[in-house]
Amino acid sequence: VVFIIYFKINGEMTIIYLSFLATCLLKLCSCLEWSDLKLPSNHISIYFNNNPSLKQKCKESQSCPYKNYLDDGTSCWGYENGCSKGNAYSNFSCPGHHKGWVESKEEQLSTFYKQGDFGFVEEHRHHLRPYCIKSQDVSCKPFQIDIGDSTLHCSEHVQFCHGRNIMIDFRDLKSRKEPVRYHTDVLKPGQIGGKCGLNKGLLNKNLDLISALQSWGPELRNIVALNESVHRGSNLCDVWVSKPAIVTKLDASVSMYHHFCDFLNLYISQHVNNSDEYAFTTDTQASRRVCFENVVFPLLPRMIFGLYYNTPIIWGCENSGLFHAFSHYMLHRIGIPEREETEKKLHVTFLSRQTKYRRILNEETLLNALRKDGRFIVRKWTDILIGIHGSGLTHLLFLPDWAVIIELYDCGDPNCYQDLARLRGVKYLSWLEEDKIFPEDQGHHPDLGAHEKFTNYSFDKDAFVRLVRKAANLVKQHSEWKKLLKRTPKDEL
């Protein structure tokens, strides 16, 4: 289920885009059809444990198909109160050395959990504070309000916020001639507000990250306390949005790497919020004042110490439960079936770039070498993903747990996809035989001159096959691959 509100100015989509990642964790309305609950099987028990009223409805409903998931009353994501480590979704580990980041293995594990797992969610939930509430309300309970009264609760640096009965005035956008993506002046003072007591001291203290995609500071520095209630029929509202909505600011959609920062952070934000269903509309709202009964301003794609852009991931750790859950949820929601069969050959996906730079000049030679090997096949499934440095490697987020990614050459940026692979929990390999990689020239960055990312490459085919064989051995050693083979006993490697 999705809610999309967007504005087009000179063909540029700006300011508000609402996600399709809606029913993953969130409480559903009373009109729920059980078929709407489209979750991976290993998420369902946790969902019901986080939504006890819906769990009770399922118990009482003759049509609920999820009764087999109701007896598990202990499974949890990890950030819930009372969630023990043994019942948590995550199964991350730190088999490698921390390289001086911390002083002990215990501290290494704790750091990774907070940086790149559900501990990241826990931190944001823990730091939610009331920024705008009824003057007499000091309970920090955002939902216990009168009709028309407003609330706004945010985490530190106003990186995540949840509001009730909030008005946003978009009328000026109609006259804006220039594209406003990445602008910090989309709203002016007074163009966002609610009827509540504004904690200006707390707000000003957290307006320290005024950048388009680091926080909601550029917008919320303009919030005002209104004298009039924000409700359906109010003179403040040209449009009343009664269904819960997510308002977000997009990163560069031309790059899969950056665009999936949007989707991952929308998913994480649902965990931080962990309430309510989100709906869908594509109405253009420029030139109107839009009032939201229930609105979330989610985590953004380029936060300082955010996920996964700008993420300082401690060395030696891998397999984030948060990234694992995101991967399986996305694949389930878009209808990609789980792998139920295998063949004698490992499946290889080779990313072929058609861009000006970072093309693999002897691509066909490398592929023919794999075809002749006899143990590999290039087909629909992916056990080994191969490509040179580029956003197409972001597909590693959706590889099966046993898969291996080969970044043929990192082009001077060694941590980008290595860290992403560690977070997802798939093995990462890169080119080691430096004397067997052949750049076309020194590179031609438009401003910096010679640059590794701005040229093309050839690779020695024998060294290439050796690297793929190494990846194949890692696949065959993985416990999940062995389980797959047991489900298909006729297949052999």
Protein backbone atom coordinates (compact mmCIF):
# COMPACT_ATOMS: atom_id res chain seq x y z
CA VAL A 1 0.00 0.00 0.00
CA VAL A 2 1.45 3.39 -0.91
CA PHE A 3 0.94 7.04 -0.34
CA ILE A 4 2.63 9.29 -2.87
CA ILE A 5 2.25 13.04 -2.86
CA TYR A 6 4.49 14.83 -5.30
CA PHE A 7 4.98 18.24 -6.87
CA LYS A 8 6.21 18.96 -10.37
CA ILE A 9 7.92 22.25 -11.06
CA ASN A 10 9.35 22.57 -14.57
CA GLY A 11 9.18 18.80 -14.84
CA GLU A 12 11.15 18.28 -11.60
CA MET A 13 9.55 16.05 -8.97
CA THR A 14 10.21 17.60 -5.59
CA ILE A 15 9.64 17.59 -1.84
CA ILE A 16 7.11 14.84 -1.17
CA TYR A 17 7.21 11.21 -2.19
CA LEU A 18 5.55 8.50 -0.21
CA SER A 19 6.70 4.97 -0.05
CA PHE A 20 5.22 1.67 -1.20
CA LEU A 21 6.79 -0.10 1.78
CA ALA A 22 3.69 0.29 3.83
CA THR A 23 2.18 -2.71 5.54
CA CYS A 24 5.50 -4.21 6.63
CA LEU A 25 5.32 -3.57 10.34
CA LEU A 26 2.46 -1.32 10.80
CA LYS A 27 -0.92 -1.49 12.44
CA LEU A 28 -3.67 -2.00 9.92
CA CYS A 29 -7.07 -0.36 9.84
CA SER A 30 -10.24 -2.09 10.86
CA CYS A 31 -11.11 -2.75 7.20
CA LEU A 32 -8.09 -5.03 6.79
CA GLU A 33 -8.36 -8.00 4.50
CA TRP A 34 -6.02 -10.73 5.68
CA SER A 35 -4.69 -11.03 2.14
CA ASP A 36 -3.32 -7.48 2.49
CA LEU A 37 -0.75 -8.70 4.99
CA LYS A 38 1.99 -9.49 2.49
CA LEU A 39 5.01 -10.39 4.59
CA PRO A 40 7.79 -12.98 4.39
CA SER A 41 6.90 -15.95 6.54
CA ASN A 42 9.69 -15.25 9.05
CA HIS A 43 8.32 -11.73 9.66
CA ILE A 44 4.73 -12.67 10.44
CA SER A 45 5.09 -13.80 14.07
CA ILE A 46 7.07 -10.66 14.89
CA TYR A 47 4.42 -8.53 13.23
CA PHE A 48 1.67 -10.04 15.37
CA ASN A 49 3.76 -9.77 18.53
CA ASN A 50 4.14 -6.05 17.83
CA ASN A 51 0.41 -5.71 17.16
CA PRO A 52 -1.39 -7.60 19.97
CA SER A 53 -4.85 -6.27 19.09
CA LEU A 54 -4.53 -7.58 15.55
CA LYS A 55 -3.17 -10.84 16.91
CA GLN A 56 -6.32 -11.20 18.99
CA LYS A 57 -8.48 -10.45 15.94
CA CYS A 58 -6.70 -13.20 14.05
CA LYS A 59 -7.36 -15.64 16.89
CA GLU A 60 -11.05 -14.78 16.82
CA SER A 61 -11.41 -14.70 13.04
CA GLN A 62 -12.37 -17.87 11.22
CA SER A 63 -10.86 -16.51 8.00
CA CYS A 64 -7.43 -15.56 9.36
CA PRO A 65 -4.86 -17.79 7.60
CA TYR A 66 -2.04 -16.95 10.02
CA LYS A 67 -3.09 -18.90 13.09
CA ASN A 68 0.04 -21.06 12.89
CA TYR A 69 2.10 -17.94 13.59
CA LEU A 70 0.24 -16.88 16.72
CA ASP A 71 1.75 -19.36 19.18
CA ASP A 72 5.19 -17.78 18.88
CA GLY A 73 4.89 -15.03 21.46
CA THR A 74 8.58 -14.24 21.87
CA SER A 75 9.99 -13.46 18.40
CA CYS A 76 11.00 -9.81 18.03
CA TRP A 77 13.14 -7.49 15.93
CA GLY A 78 15.50 -6.53 18.73
CA TYR A 79 14.54 -2.97 19.63
CA GLU A 80 11.34 -3.79 21.53
CA ASN A 81 11.23 -3.59 25.32
CA GLY A 82 11.86 -7.03 26.76
CA CYS A 83 13.24 -8.49 23.53
CA SER A 84 15.98 -10.94 24.49
CA LYS A 85 18.96 -11.62 22.26
CA GLY A 86 17.88 -15.22 21.75
CA ASN A 87 14.49 -14.17 20.39
CA ALA A 88 15.71 -11.28 18.21
CA TYR A 89 15.67 -11.45 14.42
CA SER A 90 19.32 -10.54 13.96
CA ASN A 91 22.08 -13.11 13.71
CA PHE A 92 25.06 -10.86 12.98
CA SER A 93 28.62 -11.80 13.86
CA CYS A 94 32.09 -10.26 14.08
CA PRO A 95 34.54 -12.95 12.94
CA GLY A 96 37.19 -10.44 11.89
CA HIS A 97 39.42 -8.04 13.81
CA HIS A 98 38.11 -4.57 14.65
CA LYS A 99 41.42 -2.94 13.63
CA GLY A 100 41.62 -0.72 16.67
CA TRP A 101 38.09 0.70 16.66
CA VAL A 102 37.28 -0.73 20.08
CA GLU A 103 38.98 -2.59 22.93
CA SER A 104 37.03 -5.87 23.12
CA LYS A 105 34.97 -8.33 21.08
CA GLU A 106 31.89 -7.45 23.14
CA GLU A 107 32.31 -3.77 22.30
CA GLN A 108 32.84 -4.66 18.64
CA LEU A 109 29.53 -6.56 18.54
CA SER A 110 27.70 -3.77 20.34
CA THR A 111 29.10 -1.13 17.99
CA PHE A 112 28.04 -3.00 14.85
CA TYR A 113 24.54 -3.53 16.25
CA LYS A 114 24.14 0.21 16.86
CA GLN A 115 25.73 1.25 13.58
CA GLY A 116 24.13 -1.11 11.10
CA ASP A 117 21.49 -3.31 12.70
CA PHE A 118 18.26 -2.90 14.67
CA GLY A 119 20.23 -1.02 17.31
CA PHE A 120 20.16 1.86 14.81
CA VAL A 121 16.36 1.78 15.06
CA GLU A 122 16.53 1.52 18.84
CA GLU A 123 18.70 4.65 19.09
CA HIS A 124 16.25 6.76 17.11
CA ARG A 125 13.26 5.45 19.04
CA HIS A 126 15.03 6.15 22.32
CA HIS A 127 15.74 9.77 21.40
CA LEU A 128 12.21 10.73 20.33
CA ARG A 129 11.20 13.92 22.16
CA PRO A 130 8.11 16.17 22.09
CA TYR A 131 8.81 19.28 20.04
CA CYS A 132 5.24 20.51 19.84
CA ILE A 133 2.50 19.33 22.22
CA LYS A 134 -0.40 20.63 24.30
CA SER A 135 1.01 22.99 26.91
CA GLN A 136 -0.13 20.85 29.83
CA ASP A 137 0.96 17.55 28.22
CA VAL A 138 4.33 16.40 29.57
CA SER A 139 3.72 12.68 29.11
CA CYS A 140 5.31 12.37 25.66
CA LYS A 141 2.26 10.44 24.44
CA PRO A 142 1.64 11.62 20.89
CA PHE A 143 -1.74 10.00 20.40
CA GLN A 144 -3.68 11.27 23.44
CA ILE A 145 -4.85 14.58 21.98
CA ASP A 146 -8.12 16.38 21.33
CA ILE A 147 -9.58 16.68 17.85
CA GLY A 148 -7.72 19.42 16.00
CA ASP A 149 -4.85 19.68 18.47
CA SER A 150 -1.42 18.95 17.04
CA THR A 151 1.71 17.11 18.14
CA LEU A 152 5.19 16.71 16.75
CA HIS A 153 7.75 14.27 18.14
CA CYS A 154 11.26 14.07 16.66
CA SER A 155 14.55 12.28 17.21
CA GLU A 156 17.85 14.11 17.63
CA HIS A 157 18.79 16.63 14.93
CA VAL A 158 15.15 16.36 13.72
CA GLN A 159 16.18 13.42 11.54
CA PHE A 160 12.89 11.57 12.11
CA CYS A 161 9.56 13.09 13.13
CA HIS A 162 5.99 11.94 13.69
CA GLY A 163 3.19 14.49 13.70
CA ARG A 164 -0.56 14.71 14.22
CA ASN A 165 -2.75 17.38 12.63
CA ILE A 166 0.04 19.20 10.83
CA MET A 167 -0.55 21.84 8.12
CA ILE A 168 1.93 22.38 5.26
CA ASP A 169 1.40 25.30 2.89
CA PHE A 170 2.59 24.47 -0.62
CA ARG A 171 0.97 27.39 -2.41
CA ASP A 172 4.28 29.12 -3.22
CA LEU A 173 5.53 26.08 -5.13
CA LYS A 174 3.16 26.89 -7.99
CA SER A 175 5.11 30.04 -8.82
CA ARG A 176 8.61 28.58 -8.37
CA LYS A 177 10.33 28.55 -11.76
CA GLU A 178 13.47 26.62 -10.86
CA PRO A 179 13.74 22.96 -9.81
CA VAL A 180 13.91 22.77 -6.03
CA ARG A 181 15.37 19.32 -5.48
CA TYR A 182 18.20 19.58 -2.93
CA HIS A 183 17.06 23.09 -1.97
CA THR A 184 16.77 24.08 1.68
CA ASP A 185 14.22 26.86 1.12
CA VAL A 186 11.20 24.89 -0.09
CA LEU A 187 9.16 26.17 2.88
CA LYS A 188 9.12 29.69 4.33
CA PRO A 189 8.43 30.74 7.94
CA GLY A 190 4.86 29.92 8.87
CA GLN A 191 4.28 27.49 6.00
CA ILE A 192 4.23 24.51 8.38
CA GLY A 193 2.48 24.46 11.72
CA GLY A 194 0.01 23.03 14.19
CA LYS A 195 -2.04 24.01 17.20
CA CYS A 196 0.37 23.10 19.98
CA GLY A 197 2.94 24.54 22.33
CA LEU A 198 6.23 24.72 20.42
CA ASN A 199 9.40 23.92 22.37
CA LYS A 200 11.57 26.48 20.58
CA GLY A 201 14.62 25.80 22.75
CA LEU A 202 14.67 22.10 21.92
CA LEU A 203 13.99 22.80 18.26
CA ASN A 204 16.74 25.39 17.90
CA LYS A 205 19.21 23.10 19.67
CA ASN A 206 18.59 20.42 17.06
CA LEU A 207 18.67 22.65 13.97
CA ASP A 208 22.37 21.95 13.51
CA LEU A 209 22.20 19.95 10.27
CA ILE A 210 20.68 22.34 7.75
CA SER A 211 21.28 20.34 4.61
CA ALA A 212 18.69 19.08 2.15
CA LEU A 213 19.05 15.34 2.81
CA GLN A 214 20.59 15.24 6.30
CA SER A 215 17.59 16.29 8.40
CA TRP A 216 14.20 17.98 8.44
CA GLY A 217 15.80 21.12 9.85
CA PRO A 218 15.42 23.12 6.62
CA GLU A 219 11.67 22.62 6.78
CA LEU A 220 10.97 22.50 10.53
CA ARG A 221 12.89 25.69 11.30
CA ASN A 222 9.82 27.33 9.74
CA ILE A 223 7.21 25.66 11.98
CA VAL A 224 4.88 27.92 13.97
CA ALA A 225 2.27 27.39 16.67
CA LEU A 226 -1.15 28.10 15.16
CA ASN A 227 -4.11 29.59 17.00
CA GLU A 228 -6.63 27.63 14.96
CA SER A 229 -7.13 23.87 15.19
CA VAL A 230 -6.00 21.73 12.26
CA HIS A 231 -8.90 19.44 11.38
CA ARG A 232 -11.16 18.43 8.52
CA GLY A 233 -13.15 21.47 7.47
CA SER A 234 -10.69 23.95 8.96
CA ASN A 235 -10.07 27.17 7.04
CA LEU A 236 -6.38 26.26 7.18
CA CYS A 237 -6.81 23.21 4.98
CA ASP A 238 -7.41 23.08 1.23
CA VAL A 239 -6.77 19.34 1.33
CA TRP A 240 -7.32 17.03 4.30
CA VAL A 241 -5.32 13.79 4.34
CA SER A 242 -6.90 11.43 6.85
CA LYS A 243 -4.87 8.34 6.04
CA PRO A 244 -1.37 8.14 7.55
CA ALA A 245 1.24 9.58 5.22
CA ILE A 246 5.01 9.56 4.84
CA VAL A 247 6.60 12.75 3.51
CA THR A 248 10.15 12.43 2.25
CA LYS A 249 12.87 14.08 0.18
CA LEU A 250 14.43 12.02 -2.59
CA ASP A 251 18.05 11.48 -3.41
CA ALA A 252 19.36 11.06 -6.97
CA SER A 253 17.01 8.61 -8.68
CA VAL A 254 19.43 8.22 -11.61
CA SER A 255 21.72 6.15 -9.37
CA MET A 256 20.47 2.86 -7.98
CA TYR A 257 22.94 3.12 -5.10
CA HIS A 258 21.67 6.52 -3.97
CA HIS A 259 18.01 5.81 -4.76
CA PHE A 260 17.98 2.70 -2.60
CA CYS A 261 19.19 4.85 0.28
CA ASP A 262 15.69 6.35 -0.01
CA PHE A 263 13.93 3.00 0.19
CA LEU A 264 16.08 1.54 2.95
CA ASN A 265 15.54 4.59 5.15
CA LEU A 266 11.80 4.51 4.49
CA TYR A 267 11.82 0.90 5.65
CA ILE A 268 13.85 1.76 8.75
CA SER A 269 11.49 4.64 9.51
CA GLN A 270 8.56 2.26 9.67
CA HIS A 271 10.39 0.41 12.42
CA VAL A 272 11.08 3.68 14.25
CA ASN A 273 7.43 4.66 13.93
CA ASN A 274 5.98 1.14 14.19
CA SER A 275 2.35 2.21 13.90
CA ASP A 276 -0.36 2.75 11.32
CA GLU A 277 -0.96 1.79 7.72
CA TYR A 278 -0.03 3.99 4.79
CA ALA A 279 -2.25 4.68 1.81
CA PHE A 280 -1.84 5.77 -1.79
CA THR A 281 -2.55 8.87 -3.88
CA THR A 282 -0.83 10.59 -6.79
CA ASP A 283 -2.65 13.92 -6.64
CA THR A 284 -0.50 16.96 -7.37
CA GLN A 285 -0.75 19.30 -4.38
CA ALA A 286 1.22 22.38 -5.48
CA SER A 287 -0.72 25.63 -4.79
CA ARG A 288 -2.61 24.08 -1.86
CA ARG A 289 -2.41 23.90 1.90
CA VAL A 290 -2.34 20.25 2.85
CA CYS A 291 -3.27 19.11 6.34
CA PHE A 292 -2.16 15.71 7.59
CA GLU A 293 -4.00 13.93 10.37
CA ASN A 294 -1.08 11.54 10.81
CA VAL A 295 2.27 12.20 9.15
CA VAL A 296 5.80 10.84 9.34
CA PHE A 297 8.93 12.68 8.23
CA PRO A 298 11.28 9.71 7.82
CA LEU A 299 15.01 9.19 8.07
CA LEU A 300 16.74 10.66 5.04
CA PRO A 301 19.28 9.14 2.64
CA ARG A 302 22.34 11.30 3.37
CA MET A 303 22.30 11.66 7.14
CA ILE A 304 25.58 11.99 9.00
CA PHE A 305 26.21 8.48 10.38
CA GLY A 306 23.13 7.31 8.50
CA LEU A 307 22.41 4.11 6.59
CA TYR A 308 23.84 3.24 4.27
CA TYR A 309 25.39 6.39 2.77
CA ASN A 310 27.95 7.95 5.15
CA THR A 311 27.93 4.81 7.30
CA PRO A 312 31.12 4.19 9.32
CA ILE A 313 30.85 0.43 9.77
CA ILE A 314 33.23 -1.13 12.27
CA TRP A 315 35.67 -3.62 10.78
CA GLY A 316 35.26 -7.36 11.17
CA CYS A 317 31.44 -7.60 11.40
CA GLU A 318 28.79 -8.77 8.96
CA ASN A 319 25.20 -9.91 8.35
CA SER A 320 22.95 -7.14 9.69
CA GLY A 321 19.50 -8.41 10.59
CA LEU A 322 18.04 -5.06 9.54
CA PHE A 323 19.46 -5.37 6.01
CA HIS A 324 18.45 -9.04 5.87
CA ALA A 325 14.87 -8.14 6.80
CA PHE A 326 14.78 -5.32 4.24
CA SER A 327 16.06 -7.59 1.48
CA HIS A 328 13.57 -10.37 2.15
CA TYR A 329 10.70 -7.94 2.61
CA MET A 330 11.37 -6.17 -0.69
CA LEU A 331 11.71 -9.41 -2.64
CA HIS A 332 8.49 -10.73 -1.13
CA ARG A 333 6.54 -7.54 -1.82
CA ILE A 334 7.50 -7.39 -5.50
CA GLY A 335 6.68 -11.06 -5.97
CA ILE A 336 10.12 -12.62 -6.46
CA PRO A 337 9.72 -16.28 -5.43
CA GLU A 338 12.15 -17.99 -3.12
CA ARG A 339 14.66 -20.29 -4.76
CA GLU A 340 13.18 -23.76 -4.59
CA GLU A 341 15.39 -25.59 -7.04
CA THR A 342 18.95 -25.58 -8.19
CA GLU A 343 20.92 -26.99 -11.08
CA LYS A 344 24.28 -28.63 -11.52
CA LYS A 345 25.83 -25.27 -12.36
CA LEU A 346 26.20 -22.14 -10.28
CA HIS A 347 24.33 -19.17 -11.70
CA VAL A 348 26.39 -16.09 -12.56
CA THR A 349 25.11 -12.58 -13.25
CA PHE A 350 27.60 -10.34 -15.04
CA LEU A 351 26.82 -6.60 -14.98
CA SER A 352 27.53 -5.10 -18.39
CA ARG A 353 28.02 -1.32 -18.33
CA GLN A 354 27.08 0.73 -21.40
CA THR A 355 28.36 4.01 -19.96
CA LYS A 356 31.29 6.06 -21.22
CA TYR A 357 33.57 4.93 -18.41
CA ARG A 358 34.19 1.78 -16.36
CA ARG A 359 33.26 -0.51 -19.21
CA ILE A 360 34.96 -3.91 -19.31
CA LEU A 361 36.64 -3.95 -22.69
CA ASN A 362 37.14 -7.73 -22.97
CA GLU A 363 33.78 -8.62 -21.46
CA GLU A 364 32.89 -11.27 -24.04
CA THR A 365 36.27 -12.96 -23.58
CA LEU A 366 35.67 -13.25 -19.83
CA LEU A 367 32.16 -14.62 -20.29
CA ASN A 368 33.31 -17.18 -22.84
CA ALA A 369 35.95 -18.34 -20.37
CA LEU A 370 33.20 -19.00 -17.81
CA ARG A 371 31.02 -20.80 -20.35
CA LYS A 372 33.90 -23.08 -21.29
CA ASP A 373 34.58 -23.87 -17.63
CA GLY A 374 31.39 -25.94 -17.52
CA ARG A 375 30.52 -25.25 -13.87
CA PHE A 376 28.79 -21.92 -14.40
CA ILE A 377 25.73 -20.69 -16.22
CA VAL A 378 24.50 -17.15 -16.87
CA ARG A 379 20.74 -17.26 -16.16
CA LYS A 380 17.81 -15.92 -14.12
CA TRP A 381 19.04 -16.86 -10.64
CA THR A 382 22.15 -15.32 -9.15
CA ASP A 383 24.63 -17.15 -6.97
CA ILE A 384 27.60 -15.01 -8.01
CA LEU A 385 27.23 -11.34 -8.99
CA ILE A 386 30.10 -9.84 -10.99
CA GLY A 387 30.72 -6.25 -12.00
CA ILE A 388 33.12 -3.34 -11.89
CA HIS A 389 32.59 -0.49 -9.40
CA GLY A 390 29.22 1.13 -10.06
CA SER A 391 25.68 1.49 -8.72
CA GLY A 392 24.54 -1.74 -10.40
CA LEU A 393 26.35 -3.59 -7.62
CA THR A 394 23.58 -2.36 -5.30
CA HIS A 395 21.71 -5.45 -6.53
CA LEU A 396 23.77 -7.29 -3.91
CA LEU A 397 21.11 -6.19 -1.39
CA PHE A 398 18.76 -8.76 -2.91
CA LEU A 399 21.08 -11.69 -3.44
CA PRO A 400 20.35 -14.97 -1.63
CA ASP A 401 22.14 -15.48 1.66
CA TRP A 402 24.72 -17.84 0.16
CA ALA A 403 25.69 -15.57 -2.74
CA VAL A 404 29.05 -13.94 -3.43
CA ILE A 405 29.67 -10.56 -5.04
CA ILE A 406 32.80 -9.95 -7.10
CA GLU A 407 33.74 -6.30 -7.59
CA LEU A 408 36.28 -6.75 -10.36
CA TYR A 409 37.91 -3.42 -9.56
CA ASP A 410 36.95 -0.86 -6.90
CA CYS A 411 38.41 2.09 -8.86
CA GLY A 412 39.97 3.59 -5.76
CA ASP A 413 36.81 3.32 -3.63
CA PRO A 414 37.39 0.06 -1.73
CA ASN A 415 34.85 0.33 1.09
CA CYS A 416 31.64 1.33 -0.68
CA TYR A 417 30.33 -2.05 -1.85
CA GLN A 418 32.48 -4.07 0.54
CA ASP A 419 30.66 -2.43 3.46
CA LEU A 420 27.28 -2.86 1.78
CA ALA A 421 28.02 -6.56 1.26
CA ARG A 422 29.02 -6.92 4.93
CA LEU A 423 25.77 -5.27 6.02
CA ARG A 424 23.71 -7.54 3.78
CA GLY A 425 25.66 -10.60 4.89
CA VAL A 426 26.98 -11.84 1.54
CA LYS A 427 30.63 -12.55 0.81
CA TYR A 428 32.64 -9.96 -1.08
CA LEU A 429 35.65 -10.54 -3.32
CA SER A 430 37.71 -8.10 -5.37
CA TRP A 431 40.59 -8.29 -7.83
CA LEU A 432 43.88 -9.15 -6.14
CA GLU A 433 46.33 -9.65 -9.04
CA GLU A 434 47.13 -6.03 -9.82
CA ASP A 435 49.51 -6.92 -12.66
CA LYS A 436 46.63 -8.61 -14.51
CA ILE A 437 44.30 -5.61 -14.77
CA PHE A 438 44.79 -3.25 -17.71
CA PRO A 439 43.33 0.27 -17.73
CA GLU A 440 42.66 1.82 -21.14
CA ASP A 441 44.40 5.03 -20.04
CA GLN A 442 44.94 7.14 -16.91
CA GLY A 443 41.34 8.41 -16.81
CA HIS A 444 39.76 11.76 -17.65
CA HIS A 445 37.85 13.37 -14.79
CA PRO A 446 36.36 16.66 -16.09
CA ASP A 447 37.86 18.65 -13.21
CA LEU A 448 40.46 16.50 -11.45
CA GLY A 449 42.30 15.07 -14.45
CA ALA A 450 43.56 11.48 -14.17
CA HIS A 451 41.06 9.37 -12.22
CA GLU A 452 40.47 5.62 -11.86
CA LYS A 453 36.68 5.93 -12.22
CA PHE A 454 36.94 7.72 -15.56
CA THR A 455 38.48 5.09 -17.81
CA ASN A 456 37.78 1.53 -19.00
CA TYR A 457 39.49 -1.76 -18.13
CA SER A 458 40.49 -5.17 -19.42
CA PHE A 459 41.16 -8.18 -17.19
CA ASP A 460 43.26 -11.30 -17.61
CA LYS A 461 40.83 -14.12 -18.36
CA ASP A 462 42.72 -16.82 -16.44
CA ALA A 463 42.94 -14.66 -13.31
CA PHE A 464 39.25 -13.88 -13.78
CA VAL A 465 38.30 -17.55 -13.85
CA ARG A 466 40.41 -18.21 -10.74
CA LEU A 467 38.52 -15.46 -8.89
CA VAL A 468 35.14 -16.85 -9.93
CA ARG A 469 36.18 -20.35 -8.84
CA LYS A 470 37.09 -18.92 -5.44
CA ALA A 471 33.61 -17.40 -5.25
CA ALA A 472 32.08 -20.73 -6.27
CA ASN A 473 33.81 -22.51 -3.40
CA LEU A 474 32.42 -19.93 -0.95
CA VAL A 475 28.90 -20.52 -2.29
CA LYS A 476 29.21 -24.30 -1.98
CA GLN A 477 30.47 -24.03 1.60
CA HIS A 478 27.53 -21.90 2.76
CA SER A 479 25.02 -23.68 5.00
CA GLU A 480 22.00 -22.21 3.18
CA TRP A 481 23.29 -23.48 -0.16
CA LYS A 482 23.68 -26.94 1.33
CA LYS A 483 20.10 -26.77 2.61
CA LEU A 484 18.93 -25.87 -0.89
CA LEU A 485 20.71 -28.89 -2.33
CA LYS A 486 19.04 -31.16 0.23
CA ARG A 487 15.65 -29.91 -0.96
CA THR A 488 16.64 -30.91 -4.51
CA PRO A 489 18.50 -34.20 -4.03
CA LYS A 490 18.84 -34.97 -7.76
CA ASP A 491 21.04 -31.95 -8.40
CA GLU A 492 24.77 -32.11 -8.00
CA LEU A 493 27.57 -29.59 -8.39
